[in-house]
Amino acid sequence: MKYIETLRDGDTVRGIYLCKQRMTAMTKNGKPYENVILQDKTGVIDGKIWTPNSMGIMDFDALDYIDVTADVTTFNGSLQMNIKGVRVAEEGEYHPADYLPSSTKDIEVMYQELLDRIKSVKNENLRKLLEMIFIEDTNFVDKFKKHSAAKTIHHSFIGGLLEHTLSVTNLCEYFSKAYPVLNHDLLLTAAMLHDIGKVYELSSFPQNDYTDSGQLLGHIVMGYEMVGQKIKKIEGFPAKTARELLHCILAHHGELEYGSPKKPALPEAFALNLADNADAKLETLSEILLNTKPADGSEWYGFNRALDSNLRKSTID
């Protein structure tokens, strides 16, 4: 099997991949064909089955592990598979871990680092809130450790949500030391809680797709509701502190057009937005520059819509 990240134009492939999606489409001439998205732990690739009723194409469904025979071609600057043969793989022919992208960092080590950050929160109400969510709610913790932070753009792998949350929290820890105007405990609590709604906005792997609730509500509103419900269980939790924390969650995308119901109004909300945006963009850059190669031997990676720029690595002498 060739991992997807190693595939090049002109390759002939025979190997097992996870079929993430399968959809029927029609050519301009009215002939049916199949669009599929194949995945392994190194990435995803589009595939086309131009003759879906041929003898070499056995029946299969989305989320099946399939043994594929295909030619790799380039279309509109992206690689895709021209699939000639398919059969459903049998158990024992594949290892699921080879097909699910995962953080390169140790999940339990990251989780322990997050627990250490919780211990640094001196405010008893905020620390109790964090402990209720990240320690006492074991069902949530199990999901949180394994979840992605996005469908495709950044941290879209097992452990991605934990990795992103820890990175944002660490950036906020630095901000709180560099800028005394920031309330350390409020900022760190908001950083650790800002994306918890993603546990229910996105489905677990191997799907890693938007849930019905995720489509209708989104992770910001869902996270706001989750935190609000936990706060109600803490006797004597100050209403003003609750409003400030919930504001930071609602405003962490920074702009209304980016999905935030409110724009930042508190210093901690501004700091959280900066940390969240910095980690998302730098991780997106890292994934592009470290995991792909420019086309046609160029130094340039092409225009990236998420970053709104044509990208190139810097030259280090």
C-alpha atoms as a PDB file:
ATOM      1  CA  MET A   1       0.000   0.000   0.000  1.00  0.00           C
ATOM      2  CA  LYS A   2       1.148   3.513  -0.837  1.00  0.00           C
ATOM      3  CA  TYR A   3       0.210   6.204   1.655  1.00  0.00           C
ATOM      4  CA  ILE A   4      -1.725   9.068   0.104  1.00  0.00           C
ATOM      5  CA  GLU A   5       0.941  11.654   0.954  1.00  0.00           C
ATOM      6  CA  THR A   6       3.452   9.711  -1.202  1.00  0.00           C
ATOM      7  CA  LEU A   7       1.265   9.469  -4.321  1.00  0.00           C
ATOM      8  CA  ARG A   8       2.395  11.237  -7.482  1.00  0.00           C
ATOM      9  CA  ASP A   9       0.914  11.861 -10.909  1.00  0.00           C
ATOM     10  CA  GLY A  10       1.354   8.742 -13.073  1.00  0.00           C
ATOM     11  CA  ASP A  11       1.463   6.238 -10.196  1.00  0.00           C
ATOM     12  CA  THR A  12      -0.438   2.970 -10.420  1.00  0.00           C
ATOM     13  CA  VAL A  13      -1.942   2.037  -7.076  1.00  0.00           C
ATOM     14  CA  ARG A  14      -3.105  -1.228  -5.545  1.00  0.00           C
ATOM     15  CA  GLY A  15      -3.952  -0.975  -1.853  1.00  0.00           C
ATOM     16  CA  ILE A  16      -6.555  -0.681   0.875  1.00  0.00           C
ATOM     17  CA  TYR A  17      -8.036   2.702   1.814  1.00  0.00           C
ATOM     18  CA  LEU A  18     -10.937   3.909   3.917  1.00  0.00           C
ATOM     19  CA  CYS A  19     -13.832   5.135   1.777  1.00  0.00           C
ATOM     20  CA  LYS A  20     -14.808   8.303   3.627  1.00  0.00           C
ATOM     21  CA  GLN A  21     -17.558   9.361   1.196  1.00  0.00           C
ATOM     22  CA  ARG A  22     -19.317   7.942  -1.860  1.00  0.00           C
ATOM     23  CA  MET A  23     -21.675   9.893  -4.116  1.00  0.00           C
ATOM     24  CA  THR A  24     -23.253   9.220  -7.516  1.00  0.00           C
ATOM     25  CA  ALA A  25     -22.964  11.947 -10.154  1.00  0.00           C
ATOM     26  CA  MET A  26     -23.618  12.425 -13.867  1.00  0.00           C
ATOM     27  CA  THR A  27     -21.269  13.447 -16.666  1.00  0.00           C
ATOM     28  CA  LYS A  28     -22.260  16.210 -19.100  1.00  0.00           C
ATOM     29  CA  ASN A  29     -23.306  13.410 -21.469  1.00  0.00           C
ATOM     30  CA  GLY A  30     -25.681  11.965 -18.904  1.00  0.00           C
ATOM     31  CA  LYS A  31     -23.569   8.948 -17.929  1.00  0.00           C
ATOM     32  CA  PRO A  32     -23.448   8.000 -14.238  1.00  0.00           C
ATOM     33  CA  TYR A  33     -20.158   7.843 -12.361  1.00  0.00           C
ATOM     34  CA  GLU A  34     -19.070   7.637  -8.717  1.00  0.00           C
ATOM     35  CA  ASN A  35     -17.292  10.311  -6.688  1.00  0.00           C
ATOM     36  CA  VAL A  36     -15.427   8.851  -3.726  1.00  0.00           C
ATOM     37  CA  ILE A  37     -13.109  10.294  -1.109  1.00  0.00           C
ATOM     38  CA  LEU A  38     -10.418   7.922   0.104  1.00  0.00           C
ATOM     39  CA  GLN A  39      -8.494   8.374   3.334  1.00  0.00           C
ATOM     40  CA  ASP A  40      -5.524   7.032   5.237  1.00  0.00           C
ATOM     41  CA  LYS A  41      -3.647   8.501   8.188  1.00  0.00           C
ATOM     42  CA  THR A  42      -1.621  10.767   5.884  1.00  0.00           C
ATOM     43  CA  GLY A  43      -4.509  12.484   4.141  1.00  0.00           C
ATOM     44  CA  VAL A  44      -7.409  12.224   1.713  1.00  0.00           C
ATOM     45  CA  ILE A  45      -7.718  12.014  -2.068  1.00  0.00           C
ATOM     46  CA  ASP A  46     -10.621  12.270  -4.510  1.00  0.00           C
ATOM     47  CA  GLY A  47     -11.412   9.235  -6.625  1.00  0.00           C
ATOM     48  CA  LYS A  48     -13.556   8.714  -9.717  1.00  0.00           C
ATOM     49  CA  ILE A  49     -15.197   5.490 -10.868  1.00  0.00           C
ATOM     50  CA  TRP A  50     -16.143   6.216 -14.450  1.00  0.00           C
ATOM     51  CA  THR A  51     -17.610   2.755 -15.109  1.00  0.00           C
ATOM     52  CA  PRO A  52     -19.415   1.894 -11.850  1.00  0.00           C
ATOM     53  CA  ASN A  53     -21.212  -1.122 -13.349  1.00  0.00           C
ATOM     54  CA  SER A  54     -18.094  -2.864 -14.671  1.00  0.00           C
ATOM     55  CA  MET A  55     -17.123  -6.346 -13.503  1.00  0.00           C
ATOM     56  CA  GLY A  56     -14.133  -5.038 -11.538  1.00  0.00           C
ATOM     57  CA  ILE A  57     -16.198  -2.754  -9.317  1.00  0.00           C
ATOM     58  CA  MET A  58     -17.691  -4.688  -6.414  1.00  0.00           C
ATOM     59  CA  ASP A  59     -20.410  -3.216  -4.199  1.00  0.00           C
ATOM     60  CA  PHE A  60     -19.201  -1.080  -1.287  1.00  0.00           C
ATOM     61  CA  ASP A  61     -20.443   1.661   1.016  1.00  0.00           C
ATOM     62  CA  ALA A  62     -19.043   4.776   2.645  1.00  0.00           C
ATOM     63  CA  LEU A  63     -16.854   3.920   5.673  1.00  0.00           C
ATOM     64  CA  ASP A  64     -15.913   0.543   4.197  1.00  0.00           C
ATOM     65  CA  TYR A  65     -12.242  -0.348   3.890  1.00  0.00           C
ATOM     66  CA  ILE A  66     -11.792  -1.047   0.194  1.00  0.00           C
ATOM     67  CA  ASP A  67      -9.025  -2.641  -1.863  1.00  0.00           C
ATOM     68  CA  VAL A  68      -8.500  -0.285  -4.785  1.00  0.00           C
ATOM     69  CA  THR A  69      -6.755  -0.576  -8.140  1.00  0.00           C
ATOM     70  CA  ALA A  70      -6.298   2.859  -9.684  1.00  0.00           C
ATOM     71  CA  ASP A  71      -4.184   5.238 -11.725  1.00  0.00           C
ATOM     72  CA  VAL A  72      -3.170   8.556 -10.149  1.00  0.00           C
ATOM     73  CA  THR A  73      -3.770  11.610 -12.331  1.00  0.00           C
ATOM     74  CA  THR A  74      -3.820  15.385 -11.910  1.00  0.00           C
ATOM     75  CA  PHE A  75      -6.998  17.413 -12.436  1.00  0.00           C
ATOM     76  CA  ASN A  76      -7.186  21.176 -11.821  1.00  0.00           C
ATOM     77  CA  GLY A  77      -3.901  21.045  -9.941  1.00  0.00           C
ATOM     78  CA  SER A  78      -4.950  18.299  -7.504  1.00  0.00           C
ATOM     79  CA  LEU A  79      -4.254  14.578  -7.515  1.00  0.00           C
ATOM     80  CA  GLN A  80      -7.091  12.132  -7.933  1.00  0.00           C
ATOM     81  CA  MET A  81      -7.490   8.402  -8.475  1.00  0.00           C
ATOM     82  CA  ASN A  82      -8.984   6.966 -11.637  1.00  0.00           C
ATOM     83  CA  ILE A  83     -10.358   3.797 -10.048  1.00  0.00           C
ATOM     84  CA  LYS A  84     -10.447   0.631 -12.179  1.00  0.00           C
ATOM     85  CA  GLY A  85     -11.213  -1.985  -9.534  1.00  0.00           C
ATOM     86  CA  VAL A  86     -12.737  -2.161  -6.046  1.00  0.00           C
ATOM     87  CA  ARG A  87     -13.525  -4.880  -3.512  1.00  0.00           C
ATOM     88  CA  VAL A  88     -14.414  -4.626   0.168  1.00  0.00           C
ATOM     89  CA  ALA A  89     -11.408  -5.633   2.294  1.00  0.00           C
ATOM     90  CA  GLU A  90     -11.827  -8.327   4.912  1.00  0.00           C
ATOM     91  CA  GLU A  91     -10.953  -7.962   8.576  1.00  0.00           C
ATOM     92  CA  GLY A  92      -7.319  -8.828   9.150  1.00  0.00           C
ATOM     93  CA  GLU A  93      -6.249  -7.296   5.830  1.00  0.00           C
ATOM     94  CA  TYR A  94      -5.890  -3.823   7.339  1.00  0.00           C
ATOM     95  CA  HIS A  95      -5.097  -2.028  10.586  1.00  0.00           C
ATOM     96  CA  PRO A  96      -7.609   0.786  11.352  1.00  0.00           C
ATOM     97  CA  ALA A  97      -4.841   2.911  12.902  1.00  0.00           C
ATOM     98  CA  ASP A  98      -3.294   3.236   9.418  1.00  0.00           C
ATOM     99  CA  TYR A  99      -6.379   5.066   8.196  1.00  0.00           C
ATOM    100  CA  LEU A 100      -7.195   7.567  10.925  1.00  0.00           C
ATOM    101  CA  PRO A 101      -5.043  10.723  11.106  1.00  0.00           C
ATOM    102  CA  SER A 102      -3.735  11.308  14.614  1.00  0.00           C
ATOM    103  CA  SER A 103      -1.753  13.929  16.504  1.00  0.00           C
ATOM    104  CA  THR A 104       1.993  13.419  16.467  1.00  0.00           C
ATOM    105  CA  LYS A 105       1.971  14.367  20.153  1.00  0.00           C
ATOM    106  CA  ASP A 106       1.178  12.018  23.035  1.00  0.00           C
ATOM    107  CA  ILE A 107      -2.476  12.501  23.957  1.00  0.00           C
ATOM    108  CA  GLU A 108      -2.061  11.558  27.620  1.00  0.00           C
ATOM    109  CA  VAL A 109       0.915  13.895  28.005  1.00  0.00           C
ATOM    110  CA  MET A 110      -1.121  16.762  26.514  1.00  0.00           C
ATOM    111  CA  TYR A 111      -4.050  15.965  28.782  1.00  0.00           C
ATOM    112  CA  GLN A 112      -1.800  16.056  31.833  1.00  0.00           C
ATOM    113  CA  GLU A 113      -0.445  19.432  30.716  1.00  0.00           C
ATOM    114  CA  LEU A 114      -4.018  20.697  30.492  1.00  0.00           C
ATOM    115  CA  LEU A 115      -4.695  19.447  34.028  1.00  0.00           C
ATOM    116  CA  ASP A 116      -1.608  21.334  35.200  1.00  0.00           C
ATOM    117  CA  ARG A 117      -3.022  24.514  33.661  1.00  0.00           C
ATOM    118  CA  ILE A 118      -6.266  23.917  35.561  1.00  0.00           C
ATOM    119  CA  LYS A 119      -4.306  23.748  38.818  1.00  0.00           C
ATOM    120  CA  SER A 120      -2.840  27.187  38.058  1.00  0.00           C
ATOM    121  CA  VAL A 121      -6.317  28.758  38.170  1.00  0.00           C
ATOM    122  CA  LYS A 122      -6.642  30.284  41.646  1.00  0.00           C
ATOM    123  CA  ASN A 123     -10.281  31.381  41.429  1.00  0.00           C
ATOM    124  CA  GLU A 124     -12.203  28.595  43.165  1.00  0.00           C
ATOM    125  CA  ASN A 125     -15.363  28.902  41.077  1.00  0.00           C
ATOM    126  CA  LEU A 126     -13.516  28.860  37.757  1.00  0.00           C
ATOM    127  CA  ARG A 127     -11.264  25.997  38.842  1.00  0.00           C
ATOM    128  CA  LYS A 128     -14.300  23.993  40.020  1.00  0.00           C
ATOM    129  CA  LEU A 129     -15.966  24.571  36.655  1.00  0.00           C
ATOM    130  CA  LEU A 130     -12.881  23.297  34.811  1.00  0.00           C
ATOM    131  CA  GLU A 131     -12.624  20.253  37.067  1.00  0.00           C
ATOM    132  CA  MET A 132     -16.291  19.388  36.525  1.00  0.00           C
ATOM    133  CA  ILE A 133     -15.767  19.386  32.758  1.00  0.00           C
ATOM    134  CA  PHE A 134     -12.228  18.092  32.255  1.00  0.00           C
ATOM    135  CA  ILE A 135     -11.957  15.647  35.177  1.00  0.00           C
ATOM    136  CA  GLU A 136     -15.326  14.653  36.600  1.00  0.00           C
ATOM    137  CA  ASP A 137     -17.226  14.295  33.312  1.00  0.00           C
ATOM    138  CA  THR A 138     -15.365  11.175  32.172  1.00  0.00           C
ATOM    139  CA  ASN A 139     -17.623  10.609  29.161  1.00  0.00           C
ATOM    140  CA  PHE A 140     -16.833  14.095  27.862  1.00  0.00           C
ATOM    141  CA  VAL A 141     -13.113  13.712  28.613  1.00  0.00           C
ATOM    142  CA  ASP A 142     -12.931  10.494  26.579  1.00  0.00           C
ATOM    143  CA  LYS A 143     -14.547  12.217  23.583  1.00  0.00           C
ATOM    144  CA  PHE A 144     -12.478  15.383  24.012  1.00  0.00           C
ATOM    145  CA  LYS A 145      -9.150  13.514  23.951  1.00  0.00           C
ATOM    146  CA  LYS A 146      -9.977  11.740  20.690  1.00  0.00           C
ATOM    147  CA  HIS A 147     -11.749  14.524  18.845  1.00  0.00           C
ATOM    148  CA  SER A 148     -10.579  16.720  15.986  1.00  0.00           C
ATOM    149  CA  ALA A 149     -10.712  20.508  16.087  1.00  0.00           C
ATOM    150  CA  ALA A 150     -12.034  20.853  12.521  1.00  0.00           C
ATOM    151  CA  LYS A 151     -13.349  18.886   9.582  1.00  0.00           C
ATOM    152  CA  THR A 152     -10.511  19.820   7.232  1.00  0.00           C
ATOM    153  CA  ILE A 153      -8.761  23.160   7.822  1.00  0.00           C
ATOM    154  CA  HIS A 154      -6.570  22.665  10.920  1.00  0.00           C
ATOM    155  CA  HIS A 155      -6.078  20.020  13.621  1.00  0.00           C
ATOM    156  CA  SER A 156      -8.414  17.684  11.701  1.00  0.00           C
ATOM    157  CA  PHE A 157      -7.040  14.561  13.349  1.00  0.00           C
ATOM    158  CA  ILE A 158      -7.488  12.412  16.455  1.00  0.00           C
ATOM    159  CA  GLY A 159      -6.296  14.472  19.407  1.00  0.00           C
ATOM    160  CA  GLY A 160      -6.546  17.672  17.368  1.00  0.00           C
ATOM    161  CA  LEU A 161      -9.049  19.361  19.667  1.00  0.00           C
ATOM    162  CA  LEU A 162      -6.897  18.675  22.721  1.00  0.00           C
ATOM    163  CA  GLU A 163      -3.746  19.828  20.902  1.00  0.00           C
ATOM    164  CA  HIS A 164      -5.404  23.039  19.713  1.00  0.00           C
ATOM    165  CA  THR A 165      -6.938  23.767  23.124  1.00  0.00           C
ATOM    166  CA  LEU A 166      -3.603  23.281  24.869  1.00  0.00           C
ATOM    167  CA  SER A 167      -1.791  25.498  22.346  1.00  0.00           C
ATOM    168  CA  VAL A 168      -4.339  28.287  22.743  1.00  0.00           C
ATOM    169  CA  THR A 169      -4.157  27.947  26.534  1.00  0.00           C
ATOM    170  CA  ASN A 170      -0.354  28.169  26.478  1.00  0.00           C
ATOM    171  CA  LEU A 171      -0.485  31.287  24.298  1.00  0.00           C
ATOM    172  CA  CYS A 172      -2.973  32.831  26.713  1.00  0.00           C
ATOM    173  CA  GLU A 173      -0.695  31.960  29.631  1.00  0.00           C
ATOM    174  CA  TYR A 174       2.036  33.973  27.921  1.00  0.00           C
ATOM    175  CA  PHE A 175      -0.343  36.860  27.188  1.00  0.00           C
ATOM    176  CA  SER A 176      -1.448  36.997  30.825  1.00  0.00           C
ATOM    177  CA  LYS A 177       2.163  37.384  31.970  1.00  0.00           C
ATOM    178  CA  ALA A 178       3.084  39.928  29.301  1.00  0.00           C
ATOM    179  CA  TYR A 179       0.009  42.135  29.718  1.00  0.00           C
ATOM    180  CA  PRO A 180      -1.071  42.799  33.324  1.00  0.00           C
ATOM    181  CA  VAL A 181      -4.443  44.162  32.166  1.00  0.00           C
ATOM    182  CA  LEU A 182      -5.512  40.557  31.517  1.00  0.00           C
ATOM    183  CA  ASN A 183      -7.177  38.494  34.220  1.00  0.00           C
ATOM    184  CA  HIS A 184      -5.156  35.256  34.238  1.00  0.00           C
ATOM    185  CA  ASP A 185      -7.857  32.991  35.654  1.00  0.00           C
ATOM    186  CA  LEU A 186     -10.652  34.266  33.406  1.00  0.00           C
ATOM    187  CA  LEU A 187      -8.472  34.105  30.288  1.00  0.00           C
ATOM    188  CA  LEU A 188      -7.138  30.592  30.903  1.00  0.00           C
ATOM    189  CA  THR A 189     -10.576  29.262  31.781  1.00  0.00           C
ATOM    190  CA  ALA A 190     -11.990  30.738  28.572  1.00  0.00           C
ATOM    191  CA  ALA A 191      -9.088  29.303  26.564  1.00  0.00           C
ATOM    192  CA  MET A 192      -9.662  25.798  27.882  1.00  0.00           C
ATOM    193  CA  LEU A 193     -13.419  25.981  27.304  1.00  0.00           C
ATOM    194  CA  HIS A 194     -13.677  27.971  24.075  1.00  0.00           C
ATOM    195  CA  ASP A 195     -14.005  24.988  21.709  1.00  0.00           C
ATOM    196  CA  ILE A 196     -15.630  22.288  23.869  1.00  0.00           C
ATOM    197  CA  GLY A 197     -18.763  22.485  21.709  1.00  0.00           C
ATOM    198  CA  LYS A 198     -16.790  20.870  18.884  1.00  0.00           C
ATOM    199  CA  VAL A 199     -17.127  17.522  20.671  1.00  0.00           C
ATOM    200  CA  TYR A 200     -20.767  17.606  19.545  1.00  0.00           C
ATOM    201  CA  GLU A 201     -20.468  19.827  16.468  1.00  0.00           C
ATOM    202  CA  LEU A 202     -18.372  17.180  14.698  1.00  0.00           C
ATOM    203  CA  SER A 203     -18.904  13.432  14.694  1.00  0.00           C
ATOM    204  CA  SER A 204     -16.167  11.084  15.871  1.00  0.00           C
ATOM    205  CA  PHE A 205     -13.723   9.406  13.505  1.00  0.00           C
ATOM    206  CA  PRO A 206     -13.809   7.920  10.957  1.00  0.00           C
ATOM    207  CA  GLN A 207     -16.695  10.206   9.904  1.00  0.00           C
ATOM    208  CA  ASN A 208     -15.351  13.488  11.361  1.00  0.00           C
ATOM    209  CA  ASP A 209     -18.217  15.401   9.742  1.00  0.00           C
ATOM    210  CA  TYR A 210     -20.742  17.962  10.912  1.00  0.00           C
ATOM    211  CA  THR A 211     -23.590  16.584  13.013  1.00  0.00           C
ATOM    212  CA  ASP A 212     -27.152  17.806  12.652  1.00  0.00           C
ATOM    213  CA  SER A 213     -26.729  19.893  15.821  1.00  0.00           C
ATOM    214  CA  GLY A 214     -23.407  21.175  14.505  1.00  0.00           C
ATOM    215  CA  GLN A 215     -25.013  22.343  11.280  1.00  0.00           C
ATOM    216  CA  LEU A 216     -27.962  24.001  13.018  1.00  0.00           C
ATOM    217  CA  LEU A 217     -26.269  25.500  16.084  1.00  0.00           C
ATOM    218  CA  GLY A 218     -22.477  25.421  15.720  1.00  0.00           C
ATOM    219  CA  HIS A 219     -19.813  24.867  18.344  1.00  0.00           C
ATOM    220  CA  ILE A 220     -19.857  28.403  19.770  1.00  0.00           C
ATOM    221  CA  VAL A 221     -23.524  28.268  20.771  1.00  0.00           C
ATOM    222  CA  MET A 222     -23.224  24.646  21.874  1.00  0.00           C
ATOM    223  CA  GLY A 223     -20.181  25.421  24.015  1.00  0.00           C
ATOM    224  CA  TYR A 224     -21.952  28.449  25.517  1.00  0.00           C
ATOM    225  CA  GLU A 225     -24.870  26.210  26.514  1.00  0.00           C
ATOM    226  CA  MET A 226     -22.615  23.485  27.943  1.00  0.00           C
ATOM    227  CA  VAL A 227     -20.682  25.925  30.117  1.00  0.00           C
ATOM    228  CA  GLY A 228     -23.853  27.711  31.202  1.00  0.00           C
ATOM    229  CA  GLN A 229     -25.423  24.441  32.346  1.00  0.00           C
ATOM    230  CA  LYS A 230     -22.343  23.510  34.391  1.00  0.00           C
ATOM    231  CA  ILE A 231     -22.203  26.959  35.997  1.00  0.00           C
ATOM    232  CA  LYS A 232     -25.764  26.528  37.270  1.00  0.00           C
ATOM    233  CA  LYS A 233     -24.613  23.496  39.259  1.00  0.00           C
ATOM    234  CA  ILE A 234     -21.985  25.490  41.178  1.00  0.00           C
ATOM    235  CA  GLU A 235     -23.597  27.130  44.183  1.00  0.00           C
ATOM    236  CA  GLY A 236     -22.663  30.769  44.570  1.00  0.00           C
ATOM    237  CA  PHE A 237     -20.989  31.155  41.172  1.00  0.00           C
ATOM    238  CA  PRO A 238     -20.884  34.942  40.636  1.00  0.00           C
ATOM    239  CA  ALA A 239     -23.245  36.101  37.902  1.00  0.00           C
ATOM    240  CA  LYS A 240     -20.780  38.736  36.697  1.00  0.00           C
ATOM    241  CA  THR A 241     -17.974  36.191  36.331  1.00  0.00           C
ATOM    242  CA  ALA A 242     -20.343  33.892  34.456  1.00  0.00           C
ATOM    243  CA  ARG A 243     -21.281  36.658  32.011  1.00  0.00           C
ATOM    244  CA  GLU A 244     -17.640  37.544  31.381  1.00  0.00           C
ATOM    245  CA  LEU A 245     -16.630  33.934  30.768  1.00  0.00           C
ATOM    246  CA  LEU A 246     -19.598  33.255  28.498  1.00  0.00           C
ATOM    247  CA  HIS A 247     -18.857  36.460  26.573  1.00  0.00           C
ATOM    248  CA  CYS A 248     -15.319  35.237  25.868  1.00  0.00           C
ATOM    249  CA  ILE A 249     -16.718  31.985  24.451  1.00  0.00           C
ATOM    250  CA  LEU A 250     -19.305  33.789  22.308  1.00  0.00           C
ATOM    251  CA  ALA A 251     -16.735  36.271  20.968  1.00  0.00           C
ATOM    252  CA  HIS A 252     -13.735  34.004  20.360  1.00  0.00           C
ATOM    253  CA  HIS A 253     -14.020  34.100  16.551  1.00  0.00           C
ATOM    254  CA  GLY A 254     -13.645  37.853  16.730  1.00  0.00           C
ATOM    255  CA  GLU A 255     -16.061  38.983  14.024  1.00  0.00           C
ATOM    256  CA  LEU A 256     -19.761  38.467  13.370  1.00  0.00           C
ATOM    257  CA  GLU A 257     -19.028  37.279   9.822  1.00  0.00           C
ATOM    258  CA  TYR A 258     -16.727  34.581  11.223  1.00  0.00           C
ATOM    259  CA  GLY A 259     -19.526  33.099  13.310  1.00  0.00           C
ATOM    260  CA  SER A 260     -19.208  34.917  16.625  1.00  0.00           C
ATOM    261  CA  PRO A 261     -22.574  36.054  18.021  1.00  0.00           C
ATOM    262  CA  LYS A 262     -20.711  38.903  19.746  1.00  0.00           C
ATOM    263  CA  LYS A 263     -17.556  40.885  18.995  1.00  0.00           C
ATOM    264  CA  PRO A 264     -14.945  41.005  21.789  1.00  0.00           C
ATOM    265  CA  ALA A 265     -15.636  43.613  24.447  1.00  0.00           C
ATOM    266  CA  LEU A 266     -13.311  42.427  27.221  1.00  0.00           C
ATOM    267  CA  PRO A 267      -9.486  42.334  27.138  1.00  0.00           C
ATOM    268  CA  GLU A 268      -9.623  38.571  27.766  1.00  0.00           C
ATOM    269  CA  ALA A 269     -11.969  38.089  24.813  1.00  0.00           C
ATOM    270  CA  PHE A 270      -9.570  39.973  22.526  1.00  0.00           C
ATOM    271  CA  ALA A 271      -6.625  37.919  23.801  1.00  0.00           C
ATOM    272  CA  LEU A 272      -8.503  34.646  23.329  1.00  0.00           C
ATOM    273  CA  ASN A 273      -9.430  35.572  19.764  1.00  0.00           C
ATOM    274  CA  LEU A 274      -5.794  36.418  18.943  1.00  0.00           C
ATOM    275  CA  ALA A 275      -4.523  33.154  20.444  1.00  0.00           C
ATOM    276  CA  ASP A 276      -7.185  31.060  18.718  1.00  0.00           C
ATOM    277  CA  ASN A 277      -6.556  32.707  15.354  1.00  0.00           C
ATOM    278  CA  ALA A 278      -2.764  32.464  15.672  1.00  0.00           C
ATOM    279  CA  ASP A 279      -2.791  28.763  16.485  1.00  0.00           C
ATOM    280  CA  ALA A 280      -5.316  27.947  13.751  1.00  0.00           C
ATOM    281  CA  LYS A 281      -3.356  29.814  11.066  1.00  0.00           C
ATOM    282  CA  LEU A 282       0.078  28.552  12.089  1.00  0.00           C
ATOM    283  CA  GLU A 283      -1.165  24.965  12.267  1.00  0.00           C
ATOM    284  CA  THR A 284      -2.771  25.356   8.831  1.00  0.00           C
ATOM    285  CA  LEU A 285       0.549  26.640   7.473  1.00  0.00           C
ATOM    286  CA  SER A 286       2.457  23.828   9.155  1.00  0.00           C
ATOM    287  CA  GLU A 287       0.192  21.131   7.726  1.00  0.00           C
ATOM    288  CA  ILE A 288       0.525  22.561   4.215  1.00  0.00           C
ATOM    289  CA  LEU A 289       4.276  23.189   4.224  1.00  0.00           C
ATOM    290  CA  LEU A 290       5.287  20.023   6.061  1.00  0.00           C
ATOM    291  CA  ASN A 291       2.883  17.508   4.531  1.00  0.00           C
ATOM    292  CA  THR A 292       2.660  18.504   0.867  1.00  0.00           C
ATOM    293  CA  LYS A 293       4.981  19.380  -1.993  1.00  0.00           C
ATOM    294  CA  PRO A 294       4.625  22.175  -4.551  1.00  0.00           C
ATOM    295  CA  ALA A 295       3.409  21.101  -7.971  1.00  0.00           C
ATOM    296  CA  ASP A 296       5.777  20.877 -10.940  1.00  0.00           C
ATOM    297  CA  GLY A 297       8.908  21.432  -8.868  1.00  0.00           C
ATOM    298  CA  SER A 298       7.956  25.012  -8.020  1.00  0.00           C
ATOM    299  CA  GLU A 299       8.838  26.615  -4.680  1.00  0.00           C
ATOM    300  CA  TRP A 300       5.282  27.952  -4.430  1.00  0.00           C
ATOM    301  CA  TYR A 301       2.452  25.907  -2.933  1.00  0.00           C
ATOM    302  CA  GLY A 302      -0.339  27.838  -4.633  1.00  0.00           C
ATOM    303  CA  PHE A 303      -3.180  29.973  -3.332  1.00  0.00           C
ATOM    304  CA  ASN A 304      -4.764  28.855  -0.081  1.00  0.00           C
ATOM    305  CA  ARG A 305      -8.316  30.063   0.441  1.00  0.00           C
ATOM    306  CA  ALA A 306      -8.264  29.716   4.233  1.00  0.00           C
ATOM    307  CA  LEU A 307      -5.141  31.899   4.491  1.00  0.00           C
ATOM    308  CA  ASP A 308      -6.026  34.101   1.486  1.00  0.00           C
ATOM    309  CA  SER A 309      -2.466  33.926   0.152  1.00  0.00           C
ATOM    310  CA  ASN A 310      -0.101  32.143  -2.189  1.00  0.00           C
ATOM    311  CA  LEU A 311       2.358  30.235   0.026  1.00  0.00           C
ATOM    312  CA  ARG A 312       6.092  29.511  -0.067  1.00  0.00           C
ATOM    313  CA  LYS A 313       8.565  28.243   2.525  1.00  0.00           C
ATOM    314  CA  SER A 314      11.173  30.684   3.723  1.00  0.00           C
ATOM    315  CA  THR A 315      14.798  30.066   2.761  1.00  0.00           C
ATOM    316  CA  ILE A 316      17.127  29.199   5.624  1.00  0.00           C
ATOM    317  CA  ASP A 317      20.868  29.546   4.921  1.00  0.00           C
END
